[in-house]
C-alpha atoms as a PDB file:
ATOM      1  CA  MET A   1       0.001  -0.022   0.026  1.00  0.00           C
ATOM      2  CA  THR A   2       1.405   3.458  -1.019  1.00  0.00           C
ATOM      3  CA  ILE A   3       1.703   6.476   1.254  1.00  0.00           C
ATOM      4  CA  SER A   4      -1.147   8.172  -0.574  1.00  0.00           C
ATOM      5  CA  ASN A   5      -3.392   5.118   0.148  1.00  0.00           C
ATOM      6  CA  HIS A   6      -2.487   5.270   3.733  1.00  0.00           C
ATOM      7  CA  PHE A   7      -3.632   8.906   3.827  1.00  0.00           C
ATOM      8  CA  SER A   8      -6.901   7.964   2.242  1.00  0.00           C
ATOM      9  CA  GLN A   9      -7.442   5.104   4.717  1.00  0.00           C
ATOM     10  CA  VAL A  10      -6.873   7.484   7.712  1.00  0.00           C
ATOM     11  CA  VAL A  11      -9.417   9.984   6.278  1.00  0.00           C
ATOM     12  CA  ASP A  12     -11.942   7.257   5.476  1.00  0.00           C
ATOM     13  CA  LEU A  13     -11.665   5.739   8.995  1.00  0.00           C
ATOM     14  CA  MET A  14     -12.152   9.159  10.633  1.00  0.00           C
ATOM     15  CA  LEU A  15     -15.246   9.730   8.440  1.00  0.00           C
ATOM     16  CA  MET A  16     -16.489   6.320   9.336  1.00  0.00           C
ATOM     17  CA  GLU A  17     -16.311   7.238  13.075  1.00  0.00           C
ATOM     18  CA  ALA A  18     -17.927  10.614  12.457  1.00  0.00           C
ATOM     19  CA  ASP A  19     -20.800   8.889  10.576  1.00  0.00           C
ATOM     20  CA  ALA A  20     -21.253   6.493  13.445  1.00  0.00           C
ATOM     21  CA  ILE A  21     -21.777   9.382  15.857  1.00  0.00           C
ATOM     22  CA  ARG A  22     -24.332  10.900  13.628  1.00  0.00           C
ATOM     23  CA  VAL A  23     -26.158   7.509  13.404  1.00  0.00           C
ATOM     24  CA  THR A  24     -26.023   7.122  17.140  1.00  0.00           C
ATOM     25  CA  ALA A  25     -27.499  10.668  17.581  1.00  0.00           C
ATOM     26  CA  SER A  26     -30.503   9.647  15.430  1.00  0.00           C
ATOM     27  CA  ARG A  27     -30.976   6.344  17.351  1.00  0.00           C
ATOM     28  CA  LEU A  28     -31.046   7.873  20.834  1.00  0.00           C
ATOM     29  CA  LYS A  29     -34.513   7.858  22.421  1.00  0.00           C
ATOM     30  CA  ARG A  30     -35.762  11.162  23.762  1.00  0.00           C
ATOM     31  CA  ARG A  31     -37.301   9.679  26.907  1.00  0.00           C
ATOM     32  CA  GLN A  32     -34.052   7.815  27.787  1.00  0.00           C
ATOM     33  CA  VAL A  33     -31.881  10.838  27.292  1.00  0.00           C
ATOM     34  CA  LYS A  34     -34.278  13.036  29.274  1.00  0.00           C
ATOM     35  CA  ARG A  35     -34.299  10.557  32.152  1.00  0.00           C
ATOM     36  CA  ALA A  36     -30.442  10.283  32.145  1.00  0.00           C
ATOM     37  CA  ILE A  37     -30.227  14.062  32.496  1.00  0.00           C
ATOM     38  CA  GLU A  38     -32.758  14.010  35.249  1.00  0.00           C
ATOM     39  CA  LEU A  39     -30.876  11.378  37.227  1.00  0.00           C
ATOM     40  CA  LEU A  40     -27.551  13.216  36.901  1.00  0.00           C
ATOM     41  CA  TYR A  41     -29.046  16.634  37.608  1.00  0.00           C
ATOM     42  CA  ASP A  42     -30.868  15.371  40.733  1.00  0.00           C
ATOM     43  CA  CYS A  43     -27.850  13.324  41.954  1.00  0.00           C
ATOM     44  CA  ARG A  44     -27.158  14.379  45.539  1.00  0.00           C
ATOM     45  CA  GLY A  45     -23.979  12.244  45.754  1.00  0.00           C
ATOM     46  CA  LYS A  46     -21.466  11.539  42.871  1.00  0.00           C
ATOM     47  CA  VAL A  47     -21.554   9.980  39.505  1.00  0.00           C
ATOM     48  CA  VAL A  48     -19.716   6.717  39.411  1.00  0.00           C
ATOM     49  CA  LEU A  49     -18.424   5.409  36.030  1.00  0.00           C
ATOM     50  CA  ILE A  50     -17.663   1.802  35.446  1.00  0.00           C
ATOM     51  CA  GLY A  51     -16.225  -0.103  32.557  1.00  0.00           C
ATOM     52  CA  VAL A  52     -13.535  -2.646  31.777  1.00  0.00           C
ATOM     53  CA  GLY A  53     -10.751  -2.548  29.208  1.00  0.00           C
ATOM     54  CA  LYS A  54     -11.197   0.143  26.617  1.00  0.00           C
ATOM     55  CA  SER A  55     -14.591   0.979  27.922  1.00  0.00           C
ATOM     56  CA  GLY A  56     -12.882   1.572  31.220  1.00  0.00           C
ATOM     57  CA  ASN A  57     -10.575   4.125  29.554  1.00  0.00           C
ATOM     58  CA  ILE A  58     -13.529   5.878  28.098  1.00  0.00           C
ATOM     59  CA  ALA A  59     -15.279   5.744  31.496  1.00  0.00           C
ATOM     60  CA  GLU A  60     -12.267   7.404  33.131  1.00  0.00           C
ATOM     61  CA  LYS A  61     -12.298  10.221  30.510  1.00  0.00           C
ATOM     62  CA  ILE A  62     -16.070  10.827  31.027  1.00  0.00           C
ATOM     63  CA  ALA A  63     -15.617  11.017  34.861  1.00  0.00           C
ATOM     64  CA  ALA A  64     -12.901  13.538  34.376  1.00  0.00           C
ATOM     65  CA  THR A  65     -15.059  15.597  32.029  1.00  0.00           C
ATOM     66  CA  LEU A  66     -18.006  15.528  34.500  1.00  0.00           C
ATOM     67  CA  THR A  67     -15.815  16.592  37.406  1.00  0.00           C
ATOM     68  CA  SER A  68     -14.125  19.430  35.601  1.00  0.00           C
ATOM     69  CA  SER A  69     -17.511  20.705  34.334  1.00  0.00           C
ATOM     70  CA  GLY A  70     -19.230  20.853  37.722  1.00  0.00           C
ATOM     71  CA  SER A  71     -20.487  17.310  38.516  1.00  0.00           C
ATOM     72  CA  ALA A  72     -18.490  15.255  40.942  1.00  0.00           C
ATOM     73  CA  ALA A  73     -17.601  11.933  39.396  1.00  0.00           C
ATOM     74  CA  ILE A  74     -15.151   9.129  39.796  1.00  0.00           C
ATOM     75  CA  TYR A  75     -14.170   5.969  37.904  1.00  0.00           C
ATOM     76  CA  LEU A  76     -14.373   2.715  39.753  1.00  0.00           C
ATOM     77  CA  HIS A  77     -12.965  -0.387  38.155  1.00  0.00           C
ATOM     78  CA  PRO A  78     -15.416  -3.297  38.495  1.00  0.00           C
ATOM     79  CA  SER A  79     -12.736  -5.651  39.689  1.00  0.00           C
ATOM     80  CA  ASP A  80     -11.740  -3.235  42.525  1.00  0.00           C
ATOM     81  CA  ALA A  81     -15.417  -2.721  43.289  1.00  0.00           C
ATOM     82  CA  LEU A  82     -15.871  -6.397  43.936  1.00  0.00           C
ATOM     83  CA  HIS A  83     -12.972  -6.449  46.352  1.00  0.00           C
ATOM     84  CA  GLY A  84     -13.985  -3.617  48.642  1.00  0.00           C
ATOM     85  CA  GLY A  85     -14.330  -0.646  46.283  1.00  0.00           C
ATOM     86  CA  LEU A  86     -18.196  -0.932  46.518  1.00  0.00           C
ATOM     87  CA  GLY A  87     -17.823   0.779  49.863  1.00  0.00           C
ATOM     88  CA  ILE A  88     -17.601   4.059  48.034  1.00  0.00           C
ATOM     89  CA  LEU A  89     -21.155   3.769  46.588  1.00  0.00           C
ATOM     90  CA  THR A  90     -24.108   5.154  48.345  1.00  0.00           C
ATOM     91  CA  SER A  91     -27.827   5.399  47.406  1.00  0.00           C
ATOM     92  CA  ASN A  92     -27.286   9.074  46.633  1.00  0.00           C
ATOM     93  CA  ASP A  93     -25.031   8.119  43.743  1.00  0.00           C
ATOM     94  CA  VAL A  94     -25.730   7.484  40.133  1.00  0.00           C
ATOM     95  CA  VAL A  95     -23.804   4.801  38.001  1.00  0.00           C
ATOM     96  CA  ILE A  96     -22.992   5.121  34.473  1.00  0.00           C
ATOM     97  CA  ALA A  97     -21.904   1.688  33.116  1.00  0.00           C
ATOM     98  CA  LEU A  98     -20.110   1.301  29.767  1.00  0.00           C
ATOM     99  CA  SER A  99     -20.048  -1.971  27.878  1.00  0.00           C
ATOM    100  CA  ASN A 100     -20.213  -2.559  24.236  1.00  0.00           C
ATOM    101  CA  SER A 101     -21.447  -6.132  24.570  1.00  0.00           C
ATOM    102  CA  GLY A 102     -23.487  -5.472  27.773  1.00  0.00           C
ATOM    103  CA  GLU A 103     -22.268  -8.809  29.096  1.00  0.00           C
ATOM    104  CA  THR A 104     -18.894  -7.845  30.543  1.00  0.00           C
ATOM    105  CA  ASP A 105     -18.435 -10.360  33.404  1.00  0.00           C
ATOM    106  CA  GLU A 106     -17.194  -8.002  36.083  1.00  0.00           C
ATOM    107  CA  ILE A 107     -19.967  -5.564  35.374  1.00  0.00           C
ATOM    108  CA  ILE A 108     -22.653  -8.274  35.328  1.00  0.00           C
ATOM    109  CA  THR A 109     -21.340  -9.563  38.618  1.00  0.00           C
ATOM    110  CA  MET A 110     -21.612  -6.010  40.155  1.00  0.00           C
ATOM    111  CA  LEU A 111     -25.308  -5.440  39.060  1.00  0.00           C
ATOM    112  CA  PRO A 112     -27.053  -7.284  41.955  1.00  0.00           C
ATOM    113  CA  TYR A 113     -24.965  -5.259  44.474  1.00  0.00           C
ATOM    114  CA  LEU A 114     -25.762  -2.066  42.686  1.00  0.00           C
ATOM    115  CA  LYS A 115     -29.491  -2.832  42.739  1.00  0.00           C
ATOM    116  CA  HIS A 116     -29.277  -3.782  46.451  1.00  0.00           C
ATOM    117  CA  ARG A 117     -27.845  -0.372  47.251  1.00  0.00           C
ATOM    118  CA  GLN A 118     -30.688   1.103  45.117  1.00  0.00           C
ATOM    119  CA  VAL A 119     -28.237   2.993  42.877  1.00  0.00           C
ATOM    120  CA  PRO A 120     -29.806   3.998  39.552  1.00  0.00           C
ATOM    121  CA  ILE A 121     -27.839   2.742  36.554  1.00  0.00           C
ATOM    122  CA  ILE A 122     -27.420   4.574  33.209  1.00  0.00           C
ATOM    123  CA  ALA A 123     -26.091   2.109  30.568  1.00  0.00           C
ATOM    124  CA  ILE A 124     -24.067   3.224  27.607  1.00  0.00           C
ATOM    125  CA  VAL A 125     -24.305  -0.053  25.807  1.00  0.00           C
ATOM    126  CA  GLY A 126     -23.875  -1.542  22.309  1.00  0.00           C
ATOM    127  CA  ASN A 127     -26.346  -4.428  22.744  1.00  0.00           C
ATOM    128  CA  LEU A 128     -29.885  -3.483  23.695  1.00  0.00           C
ATOM    129  CA  ARG A 129     -30.806  -7.103  24.451  1.00  0.00           C
ATOM    130  CA  SER A 130     -28.008  -7.645  26.896  1.00  0.00           C
ATOM    131  CA  THR A 131     -28.190  -8.251  30.616  1.00  0.00           C
ATOM    132  CA  LEU A 132     -26.898  -4.744  31.393  1.00  0.00           C
ATOM    133  CA  ALA A 133     -29.502  -3.201  29.069  1.00  0.00           C
ATOM    134  CA  ARG A 134     -32.335  -5.229  30.769  1.00  0.00           C
ATOM    135  CA  ILE A 135     -31.248  -4.273  34.302  1.00  0.00           C
ATOM    136  CA  ALA A 136     -30.366  -0.586  33.782  1.00  0.00           C
ATOM    137  CA  GLU A 137     -32.878   2.129  34.524  1.00  0.00           C
ATOM    138  CA  VAL A 138     -31.774   4.178  31.436  1.00  0.00           C
ATOM    139  CA  VAL A 139     -30.334   2.615  28.290  1.00  0.00           C
ATOM    140  CA  LEU A 140     -28.468   4.708  25.787  1.00  0.00           C
ATOM    141  CA  ASP A 141     -27.964   3.005  22.502  1.00  0.00           C
ATOM    142  CA  ALA A 142     -24.221   3.047  21.610  1.00  0.00           C
ATOM    143  CA  SER A 143     -24.285   0.229  19.040  1.00  0.00           C
ATOM    144  CA  VAL A 144     -22.206   0.505  15.923  1.00  0.00           C
ATOM    145  CA  ASP A 145     -22.376  -1.351  12.668  1.00  0.00           C
ATOM    146  CA  GLN A 146     -18.626  -1.841  12.367  1.00  0.00           C
ATOM    147  CA  GLU A 147     -15.416  -0.998  14.181  1.00  0.00           C
ATOM    148  CA  ALA A 148     -12.886   1.187  12.425  1.00  0.00           C
ATOM    149  CA  CYS A 149     -10.463  -1.742  12.976  1.00  0.00           C
ATOM    150  CA  PRO A 150      -9.753  -3.628   9.591  1.00  0.00           C
ATOM    151  CA  LEU A 151     -10.428  -6.871  11.403  1.00  0.00           C
ATOM    152  CA  ASN A 152     -13.630  -5.443  13.013  1.00  0.00           C
ATOM    153  CA  LEU A 153     -12.078  -6.440  16.426  1.00  0.00           C
ATOM    154  CA  ALA A 154     -10.282  -3.594  18.240  1.00  0.00           C
ATOM    155  CA  PRO A 155     -12.738  -1.229  19.995  1.00  0.00           C
ATOM    156  CA  THR A 156     -12.504   1.947  17.923  1.00  0.00           C
ATOM    157  CA  THR A 157     -15.774   3.191  16.543  1.00  0.00           C
ATOM    158  CA  SER A 158     -17.644   1.827  19.478  1.00  0.00           C
ATOM    159  CA  THR A 159     -15.425   3.652  22.054  1.00  0.00           C
ATOM    160  CA  THR A 160     -15.710   6.853  20.033  1.00  0.00           C
ATOM    161  CA  VAL A 161     -19.455   6.715  20.080  1.00  0.00           C
ATOM    162  CA  ALA A 162     -19.449   5.955  23.848  1.00  0.00           C
ATOM    163  CA  LEU A 163     -17.261   8.942  24.403  1.00  0.00           C
ATOM    164  CA  ALA A 164     -19.325  11.175  22.415  1.00  0.00           C
ATOM    165  CA  ILE A 165     -22.459  10.193  24.416  1.00  0.00           C
ATOM    166  CA  GLY A 166     -20.604  10.842  27.625  1.00  0.00           C
ATOM    167  CA  ASP A 167     -19.387  14.183  26.500  1.00  0.00           C
ATOM    168  CA  ALA A 168     -22.793  15.189  25.391  1.00  0.00           C
ATOM    169  CA  LEU A 169     -24.322  14.237  28.697  1.00  0.00           C
ATOM    170  CA  ALA A 170     -21.647  16.152  30.627  1.00  0.00           C
ATOM    171  CA  MET A 171     -21.987  19.309  28.570  1.00  0.00           C
ATOM    172  CA  THR A 172     -25.811  19.188  28.663  1.00  0.00           C
ATOM    173  CA  LEU A 173     -25.591  18.738  32.584  1.00  0.00           C
ATOM    174  CA  MET A 174     -23.148  21.623  32.710  1.00  0.00           C
ATOM    175  CA  GLN A 175     -25.581  23.913  30.902  1.00  0.00           C
ATOM    176  CA  ALA A 176     -28.494  22.676  33.094  1.00  0.00           C
ATOM    177  CA  LYS A 177     -26.649  23.539  36.168  1.00  0.00           C
ATOM    178  CA  GLY A 178     -25.877  26.987  34.862  1.00  0.00           C
ATOM    179  CA  LEU A 179     -22.056  26.596  35.142  1.00  0.00           C
ATOM    180  CA  THR A 180     -20.414  29.949  34.259  1.00  0.00           C
ATOM    181  CA  MET A 181     -16.970  30.551  32.739  1.00  0.00           C
ATOM    182  CA  ASP A 182     -15.863  31.745  36.224  1.00  0.00           C
ATOM    183  CA  ASP A 183     -17.165  28.456  37.710  1.00  0.00           C
ATOM    184  CA  PHE A 184     -15.298  26.527  35.113  1.00  0.00           C
ATOM    185  CA  ALA A 185     -12.066  28.413  35.665  1.00  0.00           C
ATOM    186  CA  LEU A 186     -12.121  27.665  39.379  1.00  0.00           C
ATOM    187  CA  ASN A 187     -11.781  23.941  38.520  1.00  0.00           C
ATOM    188  CA  HIS A 188      -8.970  24.694  36.076  1.00  0.00           C
ATOM    189  CA  PRO A 189      -6.676  27.176  37.915  1.00  0.00           C
ATOM    190  CA  ALA A 190      -3.526  25.847  36.407  1.00  0.00           C
ATOM    191  CA  GLY A 191      -4.696  25.875  32.779  1.00  0.00           C
ATOM    192  CA  GLN A 192      -4.508  28.856  30.429  1.00  0.00           C
ATOM    193  CA  LEU A 193      -8.332  29.344  30.475  1.00  0.00           C
ATOM    194  CA  GLY A 194      -8.424  29.178  34.251  1.00  0.00           C
ATOM    195  CA  LYS A 195      -5.646  31.788  34.436  1.00  0.00           C
ATOM    196  CA  ARG A 196      -7.327  34.017  31.964  1.00  0.00           C
ATOM    197  CA  LEU A 197     -10.466  33.991  34.118  1.00  0.00           C
ATOM    198  CA  THR A 198      -8.975  34.201  37.510  1.00  0.00           C
ATOM    199  CA  LEU A 199      -5.449  35.774  37.511  1.00  0.00           C
ATOM    200  CA  LYS A 200      -5.628  39.366  38.491  1.00  0.00           C
ATOM    201  CA  VAL A 201      -3.177  42.286  37.889  1.00  0.00           C
ATOM    202  CA  ALA A 202      -2.679  42.359  41.612  1.00  0.00           C
ATOM    203  CA  ASP A 203      -1.249  38.817  41.453  1.00  0.00           C
ATOM    204  CA  LEU A 204       1.417  39.766  38.983  1.00  0.00           C
ATOM    205  CA  MET A 205       2.174  43.514  39.512  1.00  0.00           C
ATOM    206  CA  HIS A 206       5.220  44.919  41.260  1.00  0.00           C
ATOM    207  CA  GLY A 207       3.821  46.798  44.147  1.00  0.00           C
ATOM    208  CA  GLY A 208       4.758  48.304  47.351  1.00  0.00           C
ATOM    209  CA  ALA A 209       8.479  48.868  47.914  1.00  0.00           C
ATOM    210  CA  GLU A 210       9.064  47.134  44.527  1.00  0.00           C
ATOM    211  CA  THR A 211       7.356  50.009  42.701  1.00  0.00           C
ATOM    212  CA  PRO A 212       9.766  52.512  41.231  1.00  0.00           C
ATOM    213  CA  THR A 213       8.094  55.912  41.895  1.00  0.00           C
ATOM    214  CA  ILE A 214       9.366  59.562  41.874  1.00  0.00           C
ATOM    215  CA  LYS A 215       7.904  62.956  41.962  1.00  0.00           C
ATOM    216  CA  VAL A 216       7.149  65.243  38.979  1.00  0.00           C
ATOM    217  CA  GLU A 217       9.986  67.626  39.859  1.00  0.00           C
ATOM    218  CA  ALA A 218      12.636  64.917  39.955  1.00  0.00           C
ATOM    219  CA  ALA A 219      15.682  65.531  37.862  1.00  0.00           C
ATOM    220  CA  TRP A 220      16.475  63.387  34.884  1.00  0.00           C
ATOM    221  CA  LEU A 221      19.373  61.674  36.677  1.00  0.00           C
ATOM    222  CA  GLU A 222      16.950  60.620  39.442  1.00  0.00           C
ATOM    223  CA  VAL A 223      14.746  59.133  36.728  1.00  0.00           C
ATOM    224  CA  ILE A 224      17.633  57.121  35.447  1.00  0.00           C
ATOM    225  CA  ALA A 225      18.534  55.972  38.902  1.00  0.00           C
ATOM    226  CA  ALA A 226      14.893  54.999  39.698  1.00  0.00           C
ATOM    227  CA  ILE A 227      14.567  52.962  36.462  1.00  0.00           C
ATOM    228  CA  SER A 228      17.931  51.267  37.032  1.00  0.00           C
ATOM    229  CA  HIS A 229      17.116  50.531  40.676  1.00  0.00           C
ATOM    230  CA  GLY A 230      13.639  49.151  39.974  1.00  0.00           C
ATOM    231  CA  GLY A 231      14.873  47.021  37.044  1.00  0.00           C
ATOM    232  CA  LEU A 232      11.454  47.209  35.347  1.00  0.00           C
ATOM    233  CA  GLY A 233      12.241  49.506  32.487  1.00  0.00           C
ATOM    234  CA  ALA A 234       9.944  52.282  33.675  1.00  0.00           C
ATOM    235  CA  VAL A 235       9.082  54.553  36.639  1.00  0.00           C
ATOM    236  CA  ASN A 236       5.760  55.953  37.831  1.00  0.00           C
ATOM    237  CA  ILE A 237       5.534  59.629  38.222  1.00  0.00           C
ATOM    238  CA  VAL A 238       3.263  60.759  41.196  1.00  0.00           C
ATOM    239  CA  ASP A 239       2.280  64.096  42.753  1.00  0.00           C
ATOM    240  CA  ALA A 240       2.695  64.960  46.409  1.00  0.00           C
ATOM    241  CA  ASN A 241      -0.349  62.901  47.407  1.00  0.00           C
ATOM    242  CA  GLY A 242       0.797  59.749  45.566  1.00  0.00           C
ATOM    243  CA  HIS A 243      -1.635  60.107  42.731  1.00  0.00           C
ATOM    244  CA  LEU A 244      -0.358  58.964  39.308  1.00  0.00           C
ATOM    245  CA  VAL A 245       0.335  61.833  36.891  1.00  0.00           C
ATOM    246  CA  GLY A 246       2.518  59.984  34.292  1.00  0.00           C
ATOM    247  CA  ILE A 247       5.067  57.327  33.460  1.00  0.00           C
ATOM    248  CA  VAL A 248       8.626  57.408  32.186  1.00  0.00           C
ATOM    249  CA  THR A 249       9.965  54.420  30.347  1.00  0.00           C
ATOM    250  CA  ASP A 250      13.359  53.614  28.940  1.00  0.00           C
ATOM    251  CA  GLY A 251      12.085  54.648  25.557  1.00  0.00           C
ATOM    252  CA  ASP A 252      10.690  58.036  26.856  1.00  0.00           C
ATOM    253  CA  LEU A 253      14.045  58.855  28.400  1.00  0.00           C
ATOM    254  CA  ARG A 254      16.003  58.032  25.298  1.00  0.00           C
ATOM    255  CA  ARG A 255      13.834  60.025  23.109  1.00  0.00           C
ATOM    256  CA  ALA A 256      13.960  63.047  25.356  1.00  0.00           C
ATOM    257  CA  LEU A 257      17.799  62.894  25.656  1.00  0.00           C
ATOM    258  CA  GLN A 258      18.092  62.749  21.914  1.00  0.00           C
ATOM    259  CA  LYS A 259      16.018  65.900  21.420  1.00  0.00           C
ATOM    260  CA  ILE A 260      17.327  68.055  24.239  1.00  0.00           C
ATOM    261  CA  LYS A 261      20.226  70.538  23.958  1.00  0.00           C
ATOM    262  CA  LEU A 262      23.173  69.921  26.276  1.00  0.00           C
ATOM    263  CA  SER A 263      22.739  73.340  27.822  1.00  0.00           C
ATOM    264  CA  ASP A 264      19.111  72.353  28.974  1.00  0.00           C
ATOM    265  CA  LEU A 265      20.027  69.029  30.486  1.00  0.00           C
ATOM    266  CA  GLU A 266      20.590  70.567  33.927  1.00  0.00           C
ATOM    267  CA  HIS A 267      16.941  71.679  34.121  1.00  0.00           C
ATOM    268  CA  LEU A 268      15.445  68.461  32.621  1.00  0.00           C
ATOM    269  CA  GLN A 269      12.795  66.977  34.959  1.00  0.00           C
ATOM    270  CA  SER A 270      10.609  63.972  34.909  1.00  0.00           C
ATOM    271  CA  GLY A 271       7.499  66.136  34.316  1.00  0.00           C
ATOM    272  CA  SER A 272       8.852  67.027  30.800  1.00  0.00           C
ATOM    273  CA  ILE A 273       9.834  63.598  29.936  1.00  0.00           C
ATOM    274  CA  MET A 274       6.917  61.518  31.096  1.00  0.00           C
ATOM    275  CA  THR A 275       3.926  60.276  29.102  1.00  0.00           C
ATOM    276  CA  HIS A 276       0.936  62.175  30.562  1.00  0.00           C
ATOM    277  CA  ASN A 277      -2.281  60.385  31.513  1.00  0.00           C
ATOM    278  CA  PRO A 278      -0.975  56.937  30.482  1.00  0.00           C
ATOM    279  CA  ILE A 279      -3.096  53.934  30.108  1.00  0.00           C
ATOM    280  CA  VAL A 280      -3.457  52.305  33.374  1.00  0.00           C
ATOM    281  CA  ALA A 281      -4.564  49.031  35.012  1.00  0.00           C
ATOM    282  CA  SER A 282      -6.360  48.443  38.265  1.00  0.00           C
ATOM    283  CA  PRO A 283      -5.408  45.778  40.794  1.00  0.00           C
ATOM    284  CA  GLU A 284      -8.698  44.046  40.316  1.00  0.00           C
ATOM    285  CA  MET A 285      -8.469  43.856  36.565  1.00  0.00           C
ATOM    286  CA  LEU A 286      -7.887  40.472  34.965  1.00  0.00           C
ATOM    287  CA  ALA A 287      -4.296  40.085  33.885  1.00  0.00           C
ATOM    288  CA  TYR A 288      -5.505  38.880  30.473  1.00  0.00           C
ATOM    289  CA  ASP A 289      -7.425  42.150  30.003  1.00  0.00           C
ATOM    290  CA  ALA A 290      -4.343  44.028  30.893  1.00  0.00           C
ATOM    291  CA  LEU A 291      -2.465  42.005  28.294  1.00  0.00           C
ATOM    292  CA  ARG A 292      -5.071  42.966  25.743  1.00  0.00           C
ATOM    293  CA  LEU A 293      -4.774  46.626  26.732  1.00  0.00           C
ATOM    294  CA  MET A 294      -0.984  46.464  25.969  1.00  0.00           C
ATOM    295  CA  GLU A 295      -1.223  44.421  22.754  1.00  0.00           C
ATOM    296  CA  ASP A 296      -4.442  45.469  21.009  1.00  0.00           C
ATOM    297  CA  ARG A 297      -3.016  48.796  19.918  1.00  0.00           C
ATOM    298  CA  THR A 298      -1.446  50.286  16.790  1.00  0.00           C
ATOM    299  CA  SER A 299       1.738  50.802  18.833  1.00  0.00           C
ATOM    300  CA  GLN A 300       2.127  48.236  21.507  1.00  0.00           C
ATOM    301  CA  ILE A 301       3.123  49.169  25.083  1.00  0.00           C
ATOM    302  CA  SER A 302       5.068  46.842  27.427  1.00  0.00           C
ATOM    303  CA  VAL A 303       4.237  48.330  30.848  1.00  0.00           C
ATOM    304  CA  LEU A 304       1.226  49.710  32.694  1.00  0.00           C
ATOM    305  CA  PRO A 305       0.960  51.675  35.951  1.00  0.00           C
ATOM    306  CA  VAL A 306      -1.453  50.184  38.306  1.00  0.00           C
ATOM    307  CA  VAL A 307      -3.861  52.594  40.003  1.00  0.00           C
ATOM    308  CA  ASP A 308      -6.476  52.045  42.684  1.00  0.00           C
ATOM    309  CA  LYS A 309     -10.094  53.342  42.823  1.00  0.00           C
ATOM    310  CA  GLU A 310      -8.720  56.562  44.460  1.00  0.00           C
ATOM    311  CA  GLY A 311      -6.372  57.197  41.793  1.00  0.00           C
ATOM    312  CA  LEU A 312      -3.307  56.287  43.961  1.00  0.00           C
ATOM    313  CA  CYS A 313      -0.351  54.654  42.180  1.00  0.00           C
ATOM    314  CA  VAL A 314      -0.090  51.177  43.757  1.00  0.00           C
ATOM    315  CA  GLY A 315       2.202  49.330  41.299  1.00  0.00           C
ATOM    316  CA  LEU A 316       3.455  48.565  37.847  1.00  0.00           C
ATOM    317  CA  ILE A 317       2.813  45.532  35.580  1.00  0.00           C
ATOM    318  CA  ARG A 318       4.791  44.495  32.610  1.00  0.00           C
ATOM    319  CA  LEU A 319       3.940  42.559  29.459  1.00  0.00           C
ATOM    320  CA  HIS A 320       6.787  40.248  30.485  1.00  0.00           C
ATOM    321  CA  ASP A 321       5.209  39.486  33.851  1.00  0.00           C
ATOM    322  CA  ILE A 322       1.929  38.461  32.227  1.00  0.00           C
ATOM    323  CA  VAL A 323       3.490  36.351  29.494  1.00  0.00           C
ATOM    324  CA  ARG A 324       5.699  34.551  31.990  1.00  0.00           C
ATOM    325  CA  SER A 325       2.522  33.611  33.927  1.00  0.00           C
ATOM    326  CA  GLY A 326       1.456  31.484  30.981  1.00  0.00           C
ATOM    327  CA  LEU A 327      -1.388  33.460  29.758  1.00  0.00           C
END
């Protein structure tokens, strides 16, 4: 088989799995889906996913998706369950069982114990006449006509379909619970999205004693000393009451020195070098919004003074600080 044929095969198999998801969507019964969402929405405990082999892998992924989208869920391996793991189950929980055949030995062995604990079972199953399908309260048809495997043996299309059903349930449940972007971010604080929705300017800015600040009447040599001492490439200019009136960056200083006559250097002060009324950030502003303030401009800026609600200068934040945070 040539490389070009390999390419075609990859594409064809992907389309086969995509078609299988479309077929599954058309097969699902409205009442069964509605009941599944009701059980999950009303669940006062946790959602417990069970499955063996590749179905177990998919069950783990669905459990992770549910948890990250606002519904506490765990994966419980049926073998572990039969050797003490069942102790984690309560009547407040809901079980989602994944099995293509619906006759997986370990799951079938678990069923009487699940029923004894009065735990409702949602089955994502490929055989509607199976033992699992008969016992489950809700049956979601995940049957497929053919696996993507050339031998029609390796779980491929069937696991893709099961995952698609699980993802759809999780996302529908997320919407039903009214999960917001802020709620989602709280579950993903280390991810880029979480940082964008939670990380504030106050978390990254240089404030307090770290903030290079001088008065309007400071001489240009004081400006150089303040920028050098602060090591941030800029210095905030404040009035006698600590209110921000401007900022001097390395660039501002260079441009001023290029233009001024040597005879006027002695009288050069920060007030005549600074950028008046600069764009500022507040401590409560999202760091991502501060990033956009600096970048979404015709001419980018790399530093922002940070000012509180009273107009007092409380810090300085650099583009470098935000980028380094992983946003």
